[in-house]
């Protein structure tokens, strides 16, 4: 396994602010000559997705040799989101203009800014084509934006417990319930999550959804108090080449972090289909 920092230089944000000397922390498991799976972490997660035997990552139950996402067959890369607090440029980073940490002066970043940064990082790492992108909640938002911003770069998307735009009230109550004094460093990610709307500046959600050309396998979980399964279903049906999967779970919204036995097979089988199909137009529900 490899971990490290990618220096991507200056990044112009959606706001017009130029963020200087941007770096992103990453984890890579598997050889780069294998198909690449990009993992987008959740709000309080980071790039340590697989980890080590001594210190397992947050998705080590799903990813690894012989597991659902098999690192013997795939190269799995996870990147700490721009604005994060685990090695990527964020509130705890020293501002090169002042010599002090940004803290609450860190500029506002969006999901789209994060995806543009990740694309630059992958290019520097030598990745130009992605087999699959997978993520839950905040990670699912990034997966959707990947599909819109870079529609030709991947074969299949797995947005989990995520929809086209955030419900600000729902997100606020969720984050307040889960906040503590250490949440300050997550504020840029929380703000980005709350502003998430794939239809912004694109003529609305329906038109934006049509920009996604990759296969989309979207998972929703029963008892999700953050995002209604019906809202997710209605949105997914706007995407031309998509499948909606409702998973009956115990833990609701957080089920994408656990209960792999209930939804892992969907990911495994659909990824195997993607491996052999030459054209995305040939994907069929029956093949899953």
Protein backbone atom coordinates (compact mmCIF):
# COMPACT_ATOMS: atom_id res chain seq x y z
CA UNK A 1 0.00 0.00 0.00
CA UNK A 2 1.14 3.51 -0.80
CA UNK A 3 0.20 6.76 0.92
CA UNK A 4 1.44 10.20 0.07
CA UNK A 5 0.83 13.79 -0.91
CA UNK A 6 0.15 15.10 -4.42
CA UNK A 7 1.08 18.71 -5.14
CA UNK A 8 -1.37 20.08 -7.72
CA UNK A 9 -0.29 23.74 -7.69
CA UNK A 10 -2.74 26.64 -7.68
CA UNK A 11 -6.47 25.98 -8.03
CA UNK A 12 -9.06 28.52 -9.10
CA UNK A 13 -12.23 27.89 -7.11
CA UNK A 14 -15.80 28.38 -8.33
CA UNK A 15 -15.86 31.57 -6.29
CA UNK A 16 -12.96 32.96 -8.30
CA UNK A 17 -10.56 32.73 -5.37
CA UNK A 18 -7.17 31.27 -6.27
CA UNK A 19 -6.05 28.74 -3.68
CA UNK A 20 -2.26 28.56 -3.74
CA UNK A 21 0.02 25.53 -3.48
CA UNK A 22 -2.77 22.99 -3.12
CA UNK A 23 -1.91 19.49 -1.97
CA UNK A 24 -4.06 16.39 -1.59
CA UNK A 25 -3.35 13.35 0.58
CA UNK A 26 -4.04 9.95 -0.95
CA UNK A 27 -3.95 6.20 -0.39
CA UNK A 28 -3.35 3.67 -3.16
CA UNK A 29 -3.74 -0.09 -2.90
CA UNK A 30 -2.88 -2.20 -5.94
CA UNK A 31 -0.81 -1.67 -9.05
CA UNK A 32 -1.58 1.21 -11.43
CA UNK A 33 -1.58 -1.19 -14.36
CA UNK A 34 -4.90 -2.55 -13.07
CA UNK A 35 -8.35 -0.92 -13.51
CA UNK A 36 -8.66 2.03 -11.14
CA UNK A 37 -11.45 2.35 -8.57
CA UNK A 38 -11.72 5.79 -6.98
CA UNK A 39 -13.23 5.87 -3.48
CA UNK A 40 -14.78 9.13 -2.26
CA UNK A 41 -14.90 9.28 1.52
CA UNK A 42 -17.82 10.39 3.68
CA UNK A 43 -17.97 13.65 5.66
CA UNK A 44 -15.96 12.54 8.69
CA UNK A 45 -13.86 10.02 6.77
CA UNK A 46 -10.51 10.44 5.08
CA UNK A 47 -8.28 8.83 2.48
CA UNK A 48 -7.38 5.87 4.74
CA UNK A 49 -9.88 3.56 3.12
CA UNK A 50 -8.02 0.24 3.23
CA UNK A 51 -5.35 0.95 5.82
CA UNK A 52 -3.13 -1.82 7.18
CA UNK A 53 -3.61 -4.99 9.21
CA UNK A 54 -2.50 -3.07 12.29
CA UNK A 55 -4.65 -0.02 11.52
CA UNK A 56 -7.54 -0.93 9.20
CA UNK A 57 -9.17 1.78 7.09
CA UNK A 58 -12.83 2.74 7.35
CA UNK A 59 -13.82 0.55 4.37
CA UNK A 60 -11.39 -2.31 4.94
CA UNK A 61 -14.34 -4.68 5.25
CA UNK A 62 -15.30 -3.93 1.65
CA UNK A 63 -11.93 -3.43 -0.04
CA UNK A 64 -8.93 -5.74 -0.04
CA UNK A 65 -7.52 -8.97 -1.49
CA UNK A 66 -10.43 -11.24 -2.45
CA UNK A 67 -13.05 -8.84 -1.02
CA UNK A 68 -15.97 -7.12 -2.77
CA UNK A 69 -13.63 -4.61 -4.37
CA UNK A 70 -10.70 -6.91 -4.95
CA UNK A 71 -7.30 -5.24 -4.77
CA UNK A 72 -5.78 -8.26 -6.51
CA UNK A 73 -7.71 -7.17 -9.60
CA UNK A 74 -8.11 -3.43 -9.12
CA UNK A 75 -6.06 -0.43 -8.11
CA UNK A 76 -8.03 1.39 -5.40
CA UNK A 77 -7.28 5.07 -4.81
CA UNK A 78 -8.82 7.33 -2.19
CA UNK A 79 -8.14 11.06 -1.86
CA UNK A 80 -8.68 13.25 1.17
CA UNK A 81 -11.09 15.92 -0.08
CA UNK A 82 -9.96 19.48 -0.63
CA UNK A 83 -10.82 21.35 2.57
CA UNK A 84 -10.28 18.22 4.66
CA UNK A 85 -8.14 17.88 7.74
CA UNK A 86 -6.02 14.80 7.07
CA UNK A 87 -3.19 16.02 4.88
CA UNK A 88 -5.05 17.88 2.15
CA UNK A 89 -5.15 21.66 1.92
CA UNK A 90 -7.75 22.83 4.42
CA UNK A 91 -8.35 24.96 7.53
CA UNK A 92 -5.31 23.56 9.34
CA UNK A 93 -2.98 24.29 6.42
CA UNK A 94 -0.59 27.23 6.62
CA UNK A 95 -1.70 30.06 4.33
CA UNK A 96 1.38 30.93 2.23
CA UNK A 97 0.31 34.60 2.23
CA UNK A 98 0.21 34.96 6.04
CA UNK A 99 2.40 32.19 7.40
CA UNK A 100 -0.42 31.11 9.72
CA UNK A 101 -3.09 28.39 9.49
CA UNK A 102 -6.21 29.37 7.53
CA UNK A 103 -8.64 28.15 10.21
CA UNK A 104 -11.95 30.01 9.81
CA UNK A 105 -10.49 32.12 6.99
CA UNK A 106 -10.22 29.12 4.68
CA UNK A 107 -12.11 30.03 1.48
CA UNK A 108 -15.42 28.40 0.68
CA UNK A 109 -15.01 25.36 -1.56
CA UNK A 110 -17.69 23.41 -3.40
CA UNK A 111 -18.13 19.78 -4.37
CA UNK A 112 -17.15 20.79 -7.90
CA UNK A 113 -13.91 22.39 -6.65
CA UNK A 114 -13.10 19.14 -4.85
CA UNK A 115 -13.67 17.05 -7.98
CA UNK A 116 -11.53 19.35 -10.14
CA UNK A 117 -8.75 19.04 -7.56
CA UNK A 118 -9.06 15.26 -7.48
CA UNK A 119 -8.91 15.09 -11.28
CA UNK A 120 -5.66 17.07 -11.30
CA UNK A 121 -4.22 14.81 -8.60
CA UNK A 122 -5.10 11.63 -10.49
CA UNK A 123 -3.51 12.98 -13.67
CA UNK A 124 -0.29 13.65 -11.76
CA UNK A 125 -0.42 10.11 -10.36
CA UNK A 126 -0.71 8.83 -13.95
CA UNK A 127 -4.41 7.93 -13.95
CA UNK A 128 -6.42 9.02 -16.98
CA UNK A 129 -9.17 6.40 -17.00
CA UNK A 130 -11.27 5.16 -14.07
CA UNK A 131 -13.18 1.88 -13.97
CA UNK A 132 -15.50 2.92 -11.13
CA UNK A 133 -16.12 5.73 -8.65
CA UNK A 134 -17.87 4.90 -5.39
CA UNK A 135 -18.85 6.94 -2.36
CA UNK A 136 -21.53 7.39 0.26
CA UNK A 137 -23.34 10.60 1.29
CA UNK A 138 -20.74 13.38 0.90
CA UNK A 139 -18.70 10.89 -1.12
CA UNK A 140 -21.74 10.10 -3.26
CA UNK A 141 -22.13 13.80 -4.04
CA UNK A 142 -18.58 13.86 -5.34
CA UNK A 143 -19.22 10.72 -7.40
CA UNK A 144 -22.21 12.41 -9.07
CA UNK A 145 -20.22 15.55 -9.84
CA UNK A 146 -17.46 13.41 -11.31
CA UNK A 147 -20.03 11.95 -13.69
CA UNK A 148 -21.12 15.41 -14.83
CA UNK A 149 -17.79 17.25 -14.91
CA UNK A 150 -15.80 14.40 -16.49
CA UNK A 151 -18.40 12.18 -18.19
CA UNK A 152 -15.90 10.33 -20.39
CA UNK A 153 -13.46 9.45 -17.62
CA UNK A 154 -15.22 6.50 -15.98
CA UNK A 155 -17.33 3.42 -16.75
CA UNK A 156 -19.56 3.18 -13.69
CA UNK A 157 -20.64 5.32 -10.73
CA UNK A 158 -21.88 4.17 -7.33
CA UNK A 159 -23.50 7.07 -5.48
CA UNK A 160 -24.76 5.71 -2.16
CA UNK A 161 -27.16 7.48 0.22
CA UNK A 162 -26.85 10.61 -1.92
CA UNK A 163 -29.16 12.64 -4.12
CA UNK A 164 -29.07 15.52 -6.57
CA UNK A 165 -29.14 18.33 -4.02
CA UNK A 166 -28.90 18.72 -0.29
CA UNK A 167 -31.76 19.25 2.10
CA UNK A 168 -30.21 21.97 4.23
CA UNK A 169 -32.51 21.45 7.19
CA UNK A 170 -31.85 17.72 7.24
CA UNK A 171 -28.12 18.19 6.97
CA UNK A 172 -28.07 20.80 9.72
CA UNK A 173 -29.87 18.61 12.23
CA UNK A 174 -27.66 15.65 11.32
CA UNK A 175 -24.40 17.54 11.73
CA UNK A 176 -25.48 19.22 14.96
CA UNK A 177 -26.31 15.83 16.43
CA UNK A 178 -22.89 14.50 15.46
CA UNK A 179 -20.80 17.59 16.19
CA UNK A 180 -18.23 17.98 18.95
CA UNK A 181 -15.39 20.40 19.57
CA UNK A 182 -13.25 18.68 16.94
CA UNK A 183 -15.73 19.36 14.13
CA UNK A 184 -14.29 22.82 13.38
CA UNK A 185 -11.88 21.32 10.88
CA UNK A 186 -14.81 19.76 9.01
CA UNK A 187 -16.69 23.02 8.45
CA UNK A 188 -15.52 23.54 4.83
CA UNK A 189 -16.77 20.05 3.97
CA UNK A 190 -20.07 20.63 5.77
CA UNK A 191 -20.61 23.90 3.90
CA UNK A 192 -19.80 22.22 0.59
CA UNK A 193 -22.22 19.41 1.36
CA UNK A 194 -25.01 21.84 2.23
CA UNK A 195 -24.52 23.77 -1.02
CA UNK A 196 -24.56 20.61 -3.15
CA UNK A 197 -26.89 20.93 -6.15
CA UNK A 198 -25.97 19.32 -9.46
CA UNK A 199 -28.54 21.49 -11.25
CA UNK A 200 -26.97 24.80 -10.21
CA UNK A 201 -25.98 26.75 -13.32
CA UNK A 202 -26.90 23.80 -15.54
CA UNK A 203 -30.57 24.43 -16.18
CA UNK A 204 -31.79 22.33 -13.28
CA UNK A 205 -31.39 18.78 -12.02
CA UNK A 206 -33.06 17.04 -14.95
CA UNK A 207 -30.81 18.62 -17.58
CA UNK A 208 -27.73 18.09 -15.42
CA UNK A 209 -28.61 14.41 -14.96
CA UNK A 210 -28.56 13.89 -18.72
CA UNK A 211 -24.88 14.85 -18.80
CA UNK A 212 -23.97 11.64 -17.01
CA UNK A 213 -23.00 9.04 -19.59
CA UNK A 214 -21.43 6.47 -17.26
CA UNK A 215 -23.47 3.59 -15.93
CA UNK A 216 -24.99 4.61 -12.57
CA UNK A 217 -25.83 2.07 -9.87
CA UNK A 218 -27.35 4.11 -7.04
CA UNK A 219 -27.96 2.61 -3.62
CA UNK A 220 -30.45 3.92 -1.08
CA UNK A 221 -31.02 2.55 2.42
CA UNK A 222 -34.22 2.09 4.36
CA UNK A 223 -34.59 4.16 7.54
CA UNK A 224 -32.29 6.85 6.13
CA UNK A 225 -33.18 9.95 8.16
CA UNK A 226 -30.94 12.21 6.10
CA UNK A 227 -32.07 11.50 2.53
CA UNK A 228 -35.45 10.12 1.59
CA UNK A 229 -35.25 6.93 -0.44
CA UNK A 230 -38.13 8.21 -2.58
CA UNK A 231 -36.22 11.39 -3.41
CA UNK A 232 -33.18 9.35 -4.39
CA UNK A 233 -35.29 7.02 -6.55
CA UNK A 234 -36.98 9.92 -8.36
CA UNK A 235 -33.63 11.53 -9.11
CA UNK A 236 -31.90 8.35 -10.25
CA UNK A 237 -34.66 7.70 -12.78
CA UNK A 238 -33.68 10.97 -14.50
CA UNK A 239 -30.24 9.56 -15.33
CA UNK A 240 -30.28 7.87 -18.76
CA UNK A 241 -28.28 4.73 -17.91
CA UNK A 242 -29.09 4.01 -14.29
CA UNK A 243 -30.27 1.43 -11.78
CA UNK A 244 -31.81 2.21 -8.39
CA UNK A 245 -31.23 -0.31 -5.60
CA UNK A 246 -33.11 -0.07 -2.30
CA UNK A 247 -31.30 -1.90 0.49
CA UNK A 248 -33.17 -3.01 3.62
CA UNK A 249 -30.82 -2.19 6.50
CA UNK A 250 -30.68 -1.69 10.25
CA UNK A 251 -28.51 1.40 10.40
CA UNK A 252 -30.22 3.70 7.90
CA UNK A 253 -28.01 6.42 6.46
CA UNK A 254 -24.79 4.98 7.88
CA UNK A 255 -25.39 1.54 6.34
CA UNK A 256 -22.98 2.32 3.50
CA UNK A 257 -20.24 2.10 6.14
CA UNK A 258 -21.35 -1.35 7.33
CA UNK A 259 -23.69 -4.23 6.43
CA UNK A 260 -21.59 -5.05 3.36
CA UNK A 261 -23.25 -8.45 3.14
CA UNK A 262 -26.51 -6.73 2.16
CA UNK A 263 -25.25 -4.59 -0.72
CA UNK A 264 -21.69 -5.62 -1.55
CA UNK A 265 -22.80 -8.19 -4.11
CA UNK A 266 -24.51 -5.47 -6.17
CA UNK A 267 -21.22 -3.61 -6.41
CA UNK A 268 -19.19 -6.73 -7.14
CA UNK A 269 -21.44 -8.07 -9.89
CA UNK A 270 -22.03 -4.76 -11.64
CA UNK A 271 -18.32 -4.02 -11.60
CA UNK A 272 -17.66 -7.39 -13.21
CA UNK A 273 -20.16 -6.50 -15.93
CA UNK A 274 -18.35 -3.20 -16.49
CA UNK A 275 -15.10 -5.10 -16.90
CA UNK A 276 -16.30 -6.99 -19.94
CA UNK A 277 -18.61 -4.55 -21.72
CA UNK A 278 -17.05 -2.40 -24.43
CA UNK A 279 -19.96 0.04 -24.72
CA UNK A 280 -21.85 1.63 -21.84
CA UNK A 281 -25.00 1.46 -23.99
CA UNK A 282 -24.94 -2.33 -23.68
CA UNK A 283 -25.52 -2.45 -19.92
CA UNK A 284 -28.72 -4.24 -19.00
CA UNK A 285 -30.53 -4.63 -15.72
CA UNK A 286 -30.73 -8.37 -16.35
CA UNK A 287 -26.95 -8.53 -16.42
CA UNK A 288 -26.82 -7.46 -12.78
